[in-house]
Amino acid sequence: MSGDADAGAGAGKTLAVGTAEADVIKLKIASMTSDNYPVIETAKTLSSSGFKLVPDIVAGGDSGGSNSLMNIFLERLIKDGNAAPPSKR
């Protein structure tokens, strides 16, 4: 019977923790516009995930602008340190 008592205590603790967390979420939602809460929580999760949301380089279609493919290629070469002088033959 000791196992049943331990299981009941564990279930009670889980219920208490879950209820407390739900109460905190309700207070957070009440403190702001309810539409903002999911956005804020999503942003927190994404920022802590380490997932890269913004690319290092953006390739655009403009002609001769700072995002032309040639500029991006040259930037990569310089950034990676691979811009070796041409070999003399």
C-alpha atoms as a PDB file:
ATOM      1  CA  MET A   1       0.000   0.000   0.000  1.00  0.00           C
ATOM      2  CA  SER A   2       2.984   2.317   0.418  1.00  0.00           C
ATOM      3  CA  GLY A   3       3.381   2.456  -3.359  1.00  0.00           C
ATOM      4  CA  ASP A   4      -0.192   3.677  -3.767  1.00  0.00           C
ATOM      5  CA  ALA A   5       0.378   6.416  -1.206  1.00  0.00           C
ATOM      6  CA  ASP A   6       3.551   7.530  -3.001  1.00  0.00           C
ATOM      7  CA  ALA A   7       1.735   7.540  -6.350  1.00  0.00           C
ATOM      8  CA  GLY A   8      -1.079   9.620  -4.862  1.00  0.00           C
ATOM      9  CA  ALA A   9       1.389  12.088  -3.378  1.00  0.00           C
ATOM     10  CA  GLY A  10       3.223  12.337  -6.714  1.00  0.00           C
ATOM     11  CA  ALA A  11      -0.029  12.921  -8.560  1.00  0.00           C
ATOM     12  CA  GLY A  12      -1.045  15.572  -6.048  1.00  0.00           C
ATOM     13  CA  LYS A  13       2.291  17.337  -6.452  1.00  0.00           C
ATOM     14  CA  THR A  14       1.993  17.235 -10.252  1.00  0.00           C
ATOM     15  CA  LEU A  15      -1.520  18.666 -10.051  1.00  0.00           C
ATOM     16  CA  ALA A  16      -0.391  21.434  -7.687  1.00  0.00           C
ATOM     17  CA  VAL A  17       2.542  22.418  -9.922  1.00  0.00           C
ATOM     18  CA  GLY A  18       0.363  22.341 -13.043  1.00  0.00           C
ATOM     19  CA  THR A  19      -2.322  24.445 -11.381  1.00  0.00           C
ATOM     20  CA  ALA A  20       0.264  26.979 -10.189  1.00  0.00           C
ATOM     21  CA  GLU A  21       1.760  27.250 -13.690  1.00  0.00           C
ATOM     22  CA  ALA A  22      -1.705  27.696 -15.195  1.00  0.00           C
ATOM     23  CA  ASP A  23      -2.458  30.462 -12.685  1.00  0.00           C
ATOM     24  CA  VAL A  24       0.778  32.246 -13.610  1.00  0.00           C
ATOM     25  CA  ILE A  25      -0.075  32.014 -17.324  1.00  0.00           C
ATOM     26  CA  LYS A  26      -3.535  33.435 -16.638  1.00  0.00           C
ATOM     27  CA  LEU A  27      -1.968  36.365 -14.745  1.00  0.00           C
ATOM     28  CA  LYS A  28       0.476  37.004 -17.597  1.00  0.00           C
ATOM     29  CA  ILE A  29      -2.334  37.001 -20.139  1.00  0.00           C
ATOM     30  CA  ALA A  30      -4.425  39.324 -17.955  1.00  0.00           C
ATOM     31  CA  SER A  31      -1.508  41.768 -17.697  1.00  0.00           C
ATOM     32  CA  MET A  32      -1.354  42.302 -21.464  1.00  0.00           C
ATOM     33  CA  THR A  33      -3.483  42.067 -24.529  1.00  0.00           C
ATOM     34  CA  SER A  34      -4.282  38.391 -24.899  1.00  0.00           C
ATOM     35  CA  ASP A  35      -3.105  38.459 -28.528  1.00  0.00           C
ATOM     36  CA  ASN A  36       0.408  39.439 -27.401  1.00  0.00           C
ATOM     37  CA  TYR A  37       0.999  36.508 -25.044  1.00  0.00           C
ATOM     38  CA  PRO A  38       1.388  33.772 -27.694  1.00  0.00           C
ATOM     39  CA  VAL A  39       3.618  36.040 -29.771  1.00  0.00           C
ATOM     40  CA  ILE A  40       5.878  36.756 -26.800  1.00  0.00           C
ATOM     41  CA  GLU A  41       6.082  33.087 -25.797  1.00  0.00           C
ATOM     42  CA  THR A  42       6.859  32.064 -29.387  1.00  0.00           C
ATOM     43  CA  ALA A  43       9.602  34.694 -29.601  1.00  0.00           C
ATOM     44  CA  LYS A  44      11.105  33.462 -26.323  1.00  0.00           C
ATOM     45  CA  THR A  45      11.105  29.876 -27.547  1.00  0.00           C
ATOM     46  CA  LEU A  46      12.639  30.758 -30.903  1.00  0.00           C
ATOM     47  CA  SER A  47      15.326  32.949 -29.346  1.00  0.00           C
ATOM     48  CA  SER A  48      16.402  30.213 -26.951  1.00  0.00           C
ATOM     49  CA  SER A  49      16.317  27.471 -29.607  1.00  0.00           C
ATOM     50  CA  GLY A  50      19.442  28.621 -31.426  1.00  0.00           C
ATOM     51  CA  PHE A  51      17.600  28.351 -34.753  1.00  0.00           C
ATOM     52  CA  LYS A  52      18.870  30.958 -37.200  1.00  0.00           C
ATOM     53  CA  LEU A  53      15.938  33.148 -38.238  1.00  0.00           C
ATOM     54  CA  VAL A  54      17.773  35.770 -40.283  1.00  0.00           C
ATOM     55  CA  PRO A  55      20.274  34.793 -42.991  1.00  0.00           C
ATOM     56  CA  ASP A  56      23.811  36.183 -42.928  1.00  0.00           C
ATOM     57  CA  ILE A  57      23.528  37.280 -46.544  1.00  0.00           C
ATOM     58  CA  VAL A  58      20.423  38.150 -48.543  1.00  0.00           C
ATOM     59  CA  ALA A  59      20.575  37.858 -52.327  1.00  0.00           C
ATOM     60  CA  GLY A  60      18.488  40.500 -54.018  1.00  0.00           C
ATOM     61  CA  GLY A  61      17.556  41.012 -57.617  1.00  0.00           C
ATOM     62  CA  ASP A  62      18.541  44.655 -57.948  1.00  0.00           C
ATOM     63  CA  SER A  63      21.063  45.579 -60.602  1.00  0.00           C
ATOM     64  CA  GLY A  64      24.404  46.723 -59.238  1.00  0.00           C
ATOM     65  CA  GLY A  65      23.133  47.228 -55.717  1.00  0.00           C
ATOM     66  CA  SER A  66      24.841  46.137 -52.548  1.00  0.00           C
ATOM     67  CA  ASN A  67      23.043  42.788 -52.678  1.00  0.00           C
ATOM     68  CA  SER A  68      24.108  41.743 -56.163  1.00  0.00           C
ATOM     69  CA  LEU A  69      25.279  38.159 -56.454  1.00  0.00           C
ATOM     70  CA  MET A  70      28.839  39.252 -57.279  1.00  0.00           C
ATOM     71  CA  ASN A  71      29.009  41.435 -54.163  1.00  0.00           C
ATOM     72  CA  ILE A  72      27.685  38.567 -52.071  1.00  0.00           C
ATOM     73  CA  PHE A  73      30.271  36.202 -53.565  1.00  0.00           C
ATOM     74  CA  LEU A  74      33.106  38.649 -52.916  1.00  0.00           C
ATOM     75  CA  GLU A  75      31.886  39.277 -49.383  1.00  0.00           C
ATOM     76  CA  ARG A  76      31.908  35.520 -48.735  1.00  0.00           C
ATOM     77  CA  LEU A  77      35.440  35.197 -50.080  1.00  0.00           C
ATOM     78  CA  ILE A  78      36.713  38.001 -47.895  1.00  0.00           C
ATOM     79  CA  LYS A  79      34.778  36.847 -44.839  1.00  0.00           C
ATOM     80  CA  ASP A  80      36.039  33.266 -45.142  1.00  0.00           C
ATOM     81  CA  GLY A  81      39.607  34.373 -45.857  1.00  0.00           C
ATOM     82  CA  ASN A  82      39.620  32.471 -49.144  1.00  0.00           C
ATOM     83  CA  ALA A  83      40.517  35.453 -51.298  1.00  0.00           C
ATOM     84  CA  ALA A  84      43.955  34.227 -52.349  1.00  0.00           C
ATOM     85  CA  PRO A  85      45.908  36.190 -54.977  1.00  0.00           C
ATOM     86  CA  PRO A  86      45.808  34.662 -58.465  1.00  0.00           C
ATOM     87  CA  SER A  87      48.568  32.159 -59.144  1.00  0.00           C
ATOM     88  CA  LYS A  88      51.376  33.198 -61.503  1.00  0.00           C
ATOM     89  CA  ARG A  89      51.963  30.745 -64.338  1.00  0.00           C
END
